């Protein structure tokens, strides 16, 4: 999709959506690092009661937040 085919309104909405999802991913990543993530976020874990995956999941959430934040910034700049 080229930038000419995206109108100004939909481009702004895409930027806002990307920024909101990036913020949510950052908050979830911080919660995982703190070990305070809600139980429904750990539902895919096959071993209950361990905190070994919190570092990996927190890192993944922060990386996703950075990528989406960069994408939001990029769509705003173009």
PDB file of N, CA and C in Angstrom:
ATOM      1  N   UNK A   1       0.843  -1.151   0.000  1.00  0.00           N
ATOM      2  CA  UNK A   1       0.000   0.000   0.000  1.00  0.00           C
ATOM      3  C   UNK A   1       0.901   1.230   0.000  1.00  0.00           C
ATOM      4  N   UNK A   2       0.722   2.070  -0.962  1.00  0.00           N
ATOM      5  CA  UNK A   2       1.549   3.271  -1.043  1.00  0.00           C
ATOM      6  C   UNK A   2       0.939   4.386  -0.211  1.00  0.00           C
ATOM      7  N   UNK A   3       1.756   5.388   0.082  1.00  0.00           N
ATOM      8  CA  UNK A   3       1.264   6.489   0.906  1.00  0.00           C
ATOM      9  C   UNK A   3       0.256   7.346   0.154  1.00  0.00           C
ATOM     10  N   UNK A   4       0.242   7.281  -1.176  1.00  0.00           N
ATOM     11  CA  UNK A   4      -0.726   8.054  -1.935  1.00  0.00           C
ATOM     12  C   UNK A   4      -2.121   7.455  -1.813  1.00  0.00           C
ATOM     13  N   UNK A   5      -2.231   6.152  -1.574  1.00  0.00           N
ATOM     14  CA  UNK A   5      -3.544   5.522  -1.519  1.00  0.00           C
ATOM     15  C   UNK A   5      -4.174   5.633  -0.133  1.00  0.00           C
ATOM     16  N   UNK A   6      -3.425   6.079   0.860  1.00  0.00           N
ATOM     17  CA  UNK A   6      -3.958   6.214   2.214  1.00  0.00           C
ATOM     18  C   UNK A   6      -4.326   7.669   2.444  1.00  0.00           C
ATOM     19  N   UNK A   7      -5.579   7.897   2.809  1.00  0.00           N
ATOM     20  CA  UNK A   7      -6.009   9.270   3.038  1.00  0.00           C
ATOM     21  C   UNK A   7      -5.484   9.764   4.380  1.00  0.00           C
ATOM     22  N   UNK A   8      -5.538  11.062   4.585  1.00  0.00           N
ATOM     23  CA  UNK A   8      -5.025  11.670   5.809  1.00  0.00           C
ATOM     24  C   UNK A   8      -5.743  11.186   7.056  1.00  0.00           C
ATOM     25  N   UNK A   9      -7.060  10.986   6.986  1.00  0.00           N
ATOM     26  CA  UNK A   9      -7.833  10.540   8.138  1.00  0.00           C
ATOM     27  C   UNK A   9      -7.500   9.124   8.545  1.00  0.00           C
ATOM     28  N   UNK A  10      -7.396   8.227   7.558  1.00  0.00           N
ATOM     29  CA  UNK A  10      -7.089   6.838   7.901  1.00  0.00           C
ATOM     30  C   UNK A  10      -5.634   6.694   8.334  1.00  0.00           C
ATOM     31  N   UNK A  11      -4.771   7.558   7.811  1.00  0.00           N
ATOM     32  CA  UNK A  11      -3.371   7.527   8.236  1.00  0.00           C
ATOM     33  C   UNK A  11      -3.254   7.955   9.688  1.00  0.00           C
ATOM     34  N   UNK A  12      -4.001   8.962  10.068  1.00  0.00           N
ATOM     35  CA  UNK A  12      -3.984   9.422  11.463  1.00  0.00           C
ATOM     36  C   UNK A  12      -4.562   8.354  12.381  1.00  0.00           C
ATOM     37  N   UNK A  13      -5.661   7.700  11.947  1.00  0.00           N
ATOM     38  CA  UNK A  13      -6.236   6.643  12.777  1.00  0.00           C
ATOM     39  C   UNK A  13      -5.273   5.486  12.942  1.00  0.00           C
ATOM     40  N   UNK A  14      -4.546   5.131  11.890  1.00  0.00           N
ATOM     41  CA  UNK A  14      -3.560   4.060  11.980  1.00  0.00           C
ATOM     42  C   UNK A  14      -2.466   4.431  12.977  1.00  0.00           C
ATOM     43  N   UNK A  15      -2.025   5.670  12.938  1.00  0.00           N
ATOM     44  CA  UNK A  15      -0.995   6.131  13.870  1.00  0.00           C
ATOM     45  C   UNK A  15      -1.489   6.047  15.303  1.00  0.00           C
ATOM     46  N   UNK A  16      -2.716   6.464  15.540  1.00  0.00           N
ATOM     47  CA  UNK A  16      -3.276   6.425  16.895  1.00  0.00           C
ATOM     48  C   UNK A  16      -3.434   4.988  17.380  1.00  0.00           C
ATOM     49  N   UNK A  17      -3.927   4.118  16.519  1.00  0.00           N
ATOM     50  CA  UNK A  17      -4.101   2.711  16.898  1.00  0.00           C
ATOM     51  C   UNK A  17      -2.760   2.066  17.220  1.00  0.00           C
ATOM     52  N   UNK A  18      -1.765   2.305  16.380  1.00  0.00           N
ATOM     53  CA  UNK A  18      -0.432   1.750  16.632  1.00  0.00           C
ATOM     54  C   UNK A  18       0.140   2.259  17.950  1.00  0.00           C
ATOM     55  N   UNK A  19      -0.049   3.536  18.228  1.00  0.00           N
ATOM     56  CA  UNK A  19       0.472   4.110  19.472  1.00  0.00           C
ATOM     57  C   UNK A  19      -0.234   3.529  20.694  1.00  0.00           C
ATOM     58  N   UNK A  20      -1.536   3.333  20.613  1.00  0.00           N
ATOM     59  CA  UNK A  20      -2.287   2.769  21.742  1.00  0.00           C
ATOM     60  C   UNK A  20      -1.875   1.330  22.000  1.00  0.00           C
ATOM     61  N   UNK A  21      -1.758   0.531  20.943  1.00  0.00           N
ATOM     62  CA  UNK A  21      -1.355  -0.868  21.115  1.00  0.00           C
ATOM     63  C   UNK A  21       0.080  -0.946  21.640  1.00  0.00           C
ATOM     64  N   UNK A  22       0.944  -0.037  21.197  1.00  0.00           N
ATOM     65  CA  UNK A  22       2.319  -0.005  21.706  1.00  0.00           C
ATOM     66  C   UNK A  22       2.325   0.327  23.194  1.00  0.00           C
ATOM     67  N   UNK A  23       1.495   1.262  23.614  1.00  0.00           N
ATOM     68  CA  UNK A  23       1.414   1.620  25.029  1.00  0.00           C
ATOM     69  C   UNK A  23       0.902   0.450  25.872  1.00  0.00           C
ATOM     70  N   UNK A  24      -0.109  -0.248  25.371  1.00  0.00           N
ATOM     71  CA  UNK A  24      -0.640  -1.412  26.087  1.00  0.00           C
ATOM     72  C   UNK A  24       0.424  -2.501  26.190  1.00  0.00           C
ATOM     73  N   UNK A  25       1.155  -2.752  25.103  1.00  0.00           N
ATOM     74  CA  UNK A  25       2.214  -3.768  25.136  1.00  0.00           C
ATOM     75  C   UNK A  25       3.307  -3.384  26.121  1.00  0.00           C
ATOM     76  N   UNK A  26       3.633  -2.109  26.203  1.00  0.00           N
ATOM     77  CA  UNK A  26       4.645  -1.652  27.152  1.00  0.00           C
ATOM     78  C   UNK A  26       4.179  -1.858  28.593  1.00  0.00           C
ATOM     79  N   UNK A  27       2.934  -1.544  28.868  1.00  0.00           N
ATOM     80  CA  UNK A  27       2.394  -1.738  30.214  1.00  0.00           C
ATOM     81  C   UNK A  27       2.382  -3.216  30.586  1.00  0.00           C
ATOM     82  N   UNK A  28       1.961  -4.067  29.660  1.00  0.00           N
ATOM     83  CA  UNK A  28       1.949  -5.510  29.920  1.00  0.00           C
ATOM     84  C   UNK A  28       3.368  -6.027  30.141  1.00  0.00           C
ATOM     85  N   UNK A  29       4.325  -5.528  29.355  1.00  0.00           N
ATOM     86  CA  UNK A  29       5.714  -5.935  29.549  1.00  0.00           C
ATOM     87  C   UNK A  29       6.231  -5.552  30.921  1.00  0.00           C
ATOM     88  N   UNK A  30       5.910  -4.360  31.363  1.00  0.00           N
ATOM     89  CA  UNK A  30       6.337  -3.915  32.697  1.00  0.00           C
ATOM     90  C   UNK A  30       5.686  -4.777  33.776  1.00  0.00           C
ATOM     91  N   UNK A  31       4.412  -5.112  33.591  1.00  0.00           N
ATOM     92  CA  UNK A  31       3.733  -5.975  34.560  1.00  0.00           C
ATOM     93  C   UNK A  31       4.375  -7.359  34.616  1.00  0.00           C
ATOM     94  N   UNK A  32       4.766  -7.893  33.462  1.00  0.00           N
ATOM     95  CA  UNK A  32       5.418  -9.201  33.448  1.00  0.00           C
ATOM     96  C   UNK A  32       6.770  -9.136  34.151  1.00  0.00           C
ATOM     97  N   UNK A  33       7.538  -8.088  33.907  1.00  0.00           N
ATOM     98  CA  UNK A  33       8.833  -7.954  34.590  1.00  0.00           C
ATOM     99  C   UNK A  33       8.650  -7.853  36.105  1.00  0.00           C
ATOM    100  N   UNK A  34       7.597  -7.187  36.523  1.00  0.00           N
ATOM    101  CA  UNK A  34       7.347  -7.022  37.952  1.00  0.00           C
ATOM    102  C   UNK A  34       6.741  -8.272  38.576  1.00  0.00           C
ATOM    103  N   UNK A  35       6.307  -9.210  37.747  1.00  0.00           N
ATOM    104  CA  UNK A  35       5.662 -10.416  38.255  1.00  0.00           C
ATOM    105  C   UNK A  35       4.239 -10.166  38.711  1.00  0.00           C
ATOM    106  N   UNK A  36       3.662  -9.077  38.261  1.00  0.00           N
ATOM    107  CA  UNK A  36       2.314  -8.699  38.685  1.00  0.00           C
ATOM    108  C   UNK A  36       1.300  -8.813  37.558  1.00  0.00           C
ATOM    109  N   UNK A  37       1.608  -9.600  36.555  1.00  0.00           N
ATOM    110  CA  UNK A  37       0.687  -9.750  35.436  1.00  0.00           C
ATOM    111  C   UNK A  37      -0.560 -10.509  35.892  1.00  0.00           C
ATOM    112  N   UNK A  38      -1.725 -10.126  35.398  1.00  0.00           N
ATOM    113  CA  UNK A  38      -2.952 -10.845  35.758  1.00  0.00           C
ATOM    114  C   UNK A  38      -2.890 -12.303  35.308  1.00  0.00           C
ATOM    115  N   UNK A  39      -3.628 -13.153  35.965  1.00  0.00           N
ATOM    116  CA  UNK A  39      -3.549 -14.589  35.692  1.00  0.00           C
ATOM    117  C   UNK A  39      -3.993 -14.940  34.275  1.00  0.00           C
ATOM    118  N   UNK A  40      -4.910 -14.169  33.678  1.00  0.00           N
ATOM    119  CA  UNK A  40      -5.352 -14.507  32.326  1.00  0.00           C
ATOM    120  C   UNK A  40      -4.241 -14.317  31.290  1.00  0.00           C
ATOM    121  N   UNK A  41      -3.214 -13.515  31.603  1.00  0.00           N
ATOM    122  CA  UNK A  41      -2.088 -13.365  30.683  1.00  0.00           C
ATOM    123  C   UNK A  41      -1.146 -14.563  30.736  1.00  0.00           C
ATOM    124  N   UNK A  42      -1.218 -15.353  31.778  1.00  0.00           N
ATOM    125  CA  UNK A  42      -0.382 -16.539  31.910  1.00  0.00           C
ATOM    126  C   UNK A  42      -1.133 -17.810  31.550  1.00  0.00           C
ATOM    127  N   UNK A  43      -2.270 -17.696  30.889  1.00  0.00           N
ATOM    128  CA  UNK A  43      -3.100 -18.861  30.604  1.00  0.00           C
ATOM    129  C   UNK A  43      -2.431 -19.835  29.643  1.00  0.00           C
ATOM    130  N   UNK A  44      -1.496 -19.394  28.817  1.00  0.00           N
ATOM    131  CA  UNK A  44      -0.835 -20.286  27.870  1.00  0.00           C
ATOM    132  C   UNK A  44       0.337 -21.030  28.468  1.00  0.00           C
ATOM    133  N   UNK A  45       0.664 -20.758  29.711  1.00  0.00           N
ATOM    134  CA  UNK A  45       1.803 -21.395  30.354  1.00  0.00           C
ATOM    135  C   UNK A  45       1.457 -22.824  30.715  1.00  0.00           C
ATOM    136  N   UNK A  46       2.340 -23.743  30.368  1.00  0.00           N
ATOM    137  CA  UNK A  46       2.082 -25.144  30.670  1.00  0.00           C
ATOM    138  C   UNK A  46       2.487 -25.507  32.095  1.00  0.00           C
ATOM    139  N   UNK A  47       3.304 -24.703  32.731  1.00  0.00           N
ATOM    140  CA  UNK A  47       3.712 -24.939  34.112  1.00  0.00           C
ATOM    141  C   UNK A  47       3.182 -23.787  34.948  1.00  0.00           C
ATOM    142  N   UNK A  48       2.266 -24.084  35.836  1.00  0.00           N
ATOM    143  CA  UNK A  48       1.662 -23.042  36.666  1.00  0.00           C
ATOM    144  C   UNK A  48       2.534 -22.764  37.886  1.00  0.00           C
ATOM    145  N   UNK A  49       2.567 -21.524  38.288  1.00  0.00           N
ATOM    146  CA  UNK A  49       3.270 -21.155  39.500  1.00  0.00           C
ATOM    147  C   UNK A  49       4.752 -20.880  39.324  1.00  0.00           C
ATOM    148  N   UNK A  50       5.264 -20.923  38.110  1.00  0.00           N
ATOM    149  CA  UNK A  50       6.671 -20.600  37.900  1.00  0.00           C
ATOM    150  C   UNK A  50       6.784 -19.219  37.300  1.00  0.00           C
ATOM    151  N   UNK A  51       7.895 -18.562  37.560  1.00  0.00           N
ATOM    152  CA  UNK A  51       8.065 -17.208  37.039  1.00  0.00           C
ATOM    153  C   UNK A  51       9.164 -17.140  35.991  1.00  0.00           C
ATOM    154  N   UNK A  52       9.629 -18.269  35.492  1.00  0.00           N
ATOM    155  CA  UNK A  52      10.709 -18.284  34.519  1.00  0.00           C
ATOM    156  C   UNK A  52      10.351 -17.652  33.196  1.00  0.00           C
ATOM    157  N   UNK A  53       9.091 -17.759  32.797  1.00  0.00           N
ATOM    158  CA  UNK A  53       8.679 -17.218  31.503  1.00  0.00           C
ATOM    159  C   UNK A  53       8.382 -15.730  31.564  1.00  0.00           C
ATOM    160  N   UNK A  54       8.319 -15.158  32.753  1.00  0.00           N
ATOM    161  CA  UNK A  54       7.990 -13.742  32.864  1.00  0.00           C
ATOM    162  C   UNK A  54       9.030 -12.866  32.192  1.00  0.00           C
ATOM    163  N   UNK A  55      10.288 -13.234  32.294  1.00  0.00           N
ATOM    164  CA  UNK A  55      11.338 -12.427  31.671  1.00  0.00           C
ATOM    165  C   UNK A  55      11.217 -12.486  30.150  1.00  0.00           C
ATOM    166  N   UNK A  56      10.983 -13.671  29.616  1.00  0.00           N
ATOM    167  CA  UNK A  56      10.857 -13.811  28.166  1.00  0.00           C
ATOM    168  C   UNK A  56       9.625 -13.099  27.629  1.00  0.00           C
ATOM    169  N   UNK A  57       8.520 -13.274  28.321  1.00  0.00           N
ATOM    170  CA  UNK A  57       7.281 -12.622  27.877  1.00  0.00           C
ATOM    171  C   UNK A  57       7.364 -11.110  28.040  1.00  0.00           C
ATOM    172  N   UNK A  58       7.980 -10.659  29.115  1.00  0.00           N
ATOM    173  CA  UNK A  58       8.154  -9.226  29.309  1.00  0.00           C
ATOM    174  C   UNK A  58       9.043  -8.618  28.245  1.00  0.00           C
ATOM    175  N   UNK A  59      10.132  -9.329  27.911  1.00  0.00           N
ATOM    176  CA  UNK A  59      11.026  -8.855  26.852  1.00  0.00           C
ATOM    177  C   UNK A  59      10.303  -8.803  25.516  1.00  0.00           C
ATOM    178  N   UNK A  60       9.532  -9.836  25.215  1.00  0.00           N
ATOM    179  CA  UNK A  60       8.788  -9.867  23.953  1.00  0.00           C
ATOM    180  C   UNK A  60       7.775  -8.723  23.893  1.00  0.00           C
ATOM    181  N   UNK A  61       7.103  -8.457  24.992  1.00  0.00           N
ATOM    182  CA  UNK A  61       6.110  -7.373  25.017  1.00  0.00           C
ATOM    183  C   UNK A  61       6.775  -6.013  24.819  1.00  0.00           C
ATOM    184  N   UNK A  62       7.936  -5.806  25.430  1.00  0.00           N
ATOM    185  CA  UNK A  62       8.640  -4.533  25.270  1.00  0.00           C
ATOM    186  C   UNK A  62       9.146  -4.377  23.834  1.00  0.00           C
ATOM    187  N   UNK A  63       9.633  -5.467  23.244  1.00  0.00           N
ATOM    188  CA  UNK A  63      10.094  -5.410  21.845  1.00  0.00           C
ATOM    189  C   UNK A  63       8.926  -5.077  20.921  1.00  0.00           C
ATOM    190  N   UNK A  64       7.777  -5.718  21.157  1.00  0.00           N
ATOM    191  CA  UNK A  64       6.587  -5.412  20.351  1.00  0.00           C
ATOM    192  C   UNK A  64       6.194  -3.944  20.525  1.00  0.00           C
ATOM    193  N   UNK A  65       6.272  -3.440  21.752  1.00  0.00           N
ATOM    194  CA  UNK A  65       5.948  -2.039  22.009  1.00  0.00           C
ATOM    195  C   UNK A  65       6.890  -1.110  21.247  1.00  0.00           C
ATOM    196  N   UNK A  66       8.175  -1.445  21.240  1.00  0.00           N
ATOM    197  CA  UNK A  66       9.139  -0.606  20.520  1.00  0.00           C
ATOM    198  C   UNK A  66       8.896  -0.637  19.013  1.00  0.00           C
ATOM    199  N   UNK A  67       8.601  -1.807  18.482  1.00  0.00           N
ATOM    200  CA  UNK A  67       8.350  -1.925  17.037  1.00  0.00           C
ATOM    201  C   UNK A  67       7.084  -1.153  16.651  1.00  0.00           C
ATOM    202  N   UNK A  68       6.026  -1.327  17.433  1.00  0.00           N
ATOM    203  CA  UNK A  68       4.785  -0.624  17.114  1.00  0.00           C
ATOM    204  C   UNK A  68       4.914   0.881  17.341  1.00  0.00           C
ATOM    205  N   UNK A  69       5.662   1.276  18.360  1.00  0.00           N
ATOM    206  CA  UNK A  69       5.908   2.692  18.569  1.00  0.00           C
ATOM    207  C   UNK A  69       6.693   3.299  17.418  1.00  0.00           C
ATOM    208  N   UNK A  70       7.678   2.553  16.926  1.00  0.00           N
ATOM    209  CA  UNK A  70       8.433   3.003  15.755  1.00  0.00           C
ATOM    210  C   UNK A  70       7.561   3.088  14.518  1.00  0.00           C
ATOM    211  N   UNK A  71       6.660   2.123  14.363  1.00  0.00           N
ATOM    212  CA  UNK A  71       5.746   2.155  13.218  1.00  0.00           C
ATOM    213  C   UNK A  71       4.795   3.346  13.314  1.00  0.00           C
ATOM    214  N   UNK A  72       4.329   3.646  14.525  1.00  0.00           N
ATOM    215  CA  UNK A  72       3.452   4.811  14.704  1.00  0.00           C
ATOM    216  C   UNK A  72       4.204   6.096  14.380  1.00  0.00           C
ATOM    217  N   UNK A  73       5.443   6.188  14.837  1.00  0.00           N
ATOM    218  CA  UNK A  73       6.247   7.368  14.543  1.00  0.00           C
ATOM    219  C   UNK A  73       6.502   7.492  13.036  1.00  0.00           C
ATOM    220  N   UNK A  74       6.782   6.356  12.391  1.00  0.00           N
ATOM    221  CA  UNK A  74       7.059   6.353  10.960  1.00  0.00           C
ATOM    222  C   UNK A  74       5.829   6.788  10.165  1.00  0.00           C
ATOM    223  N   UNK A  75       4.647   6.289  10.543  1.00  0.00           N
ATOM    224  CA  UNK A  75       3.449   6.682   9.813  1.00  0.00           C
ATOM    225  C   UNK A  75       3.108   8.154  10.037  1.00  0.00           C
ATOM    226  N   UNK A  76       3.483   8.679  11.183  1.00  0.00           N
ATOM    227  CA  UNK A  76       3.257  10.098  11.459  1.00  0.00           C
ATOM    228  C   UNK A  76       4.189  10.981  10.636  1.00  0.00           C
ATOM    229  N   UNK A  77       5.415  10.525  10.435  1.00  0.00           N
ATOM    230  CA  UNK A  77       6.415  11.320   9.714  1.00  0.00           C
ATOM    231  C   UNK A  77       6.164  11.358   8.217  1.00  0.00           C
ATOM    232  N   UNK A  78       5.666  10.296   7.648  1.00  0.00           N
ATOM    233  CA  UNK A  78       5.511  10.225   6.182  1.00  0.00           C
ATOM    234  C   UNK A  78       4.347  11.031   5.690  1.00  0.00           C
TER     235      UNK A  78
END
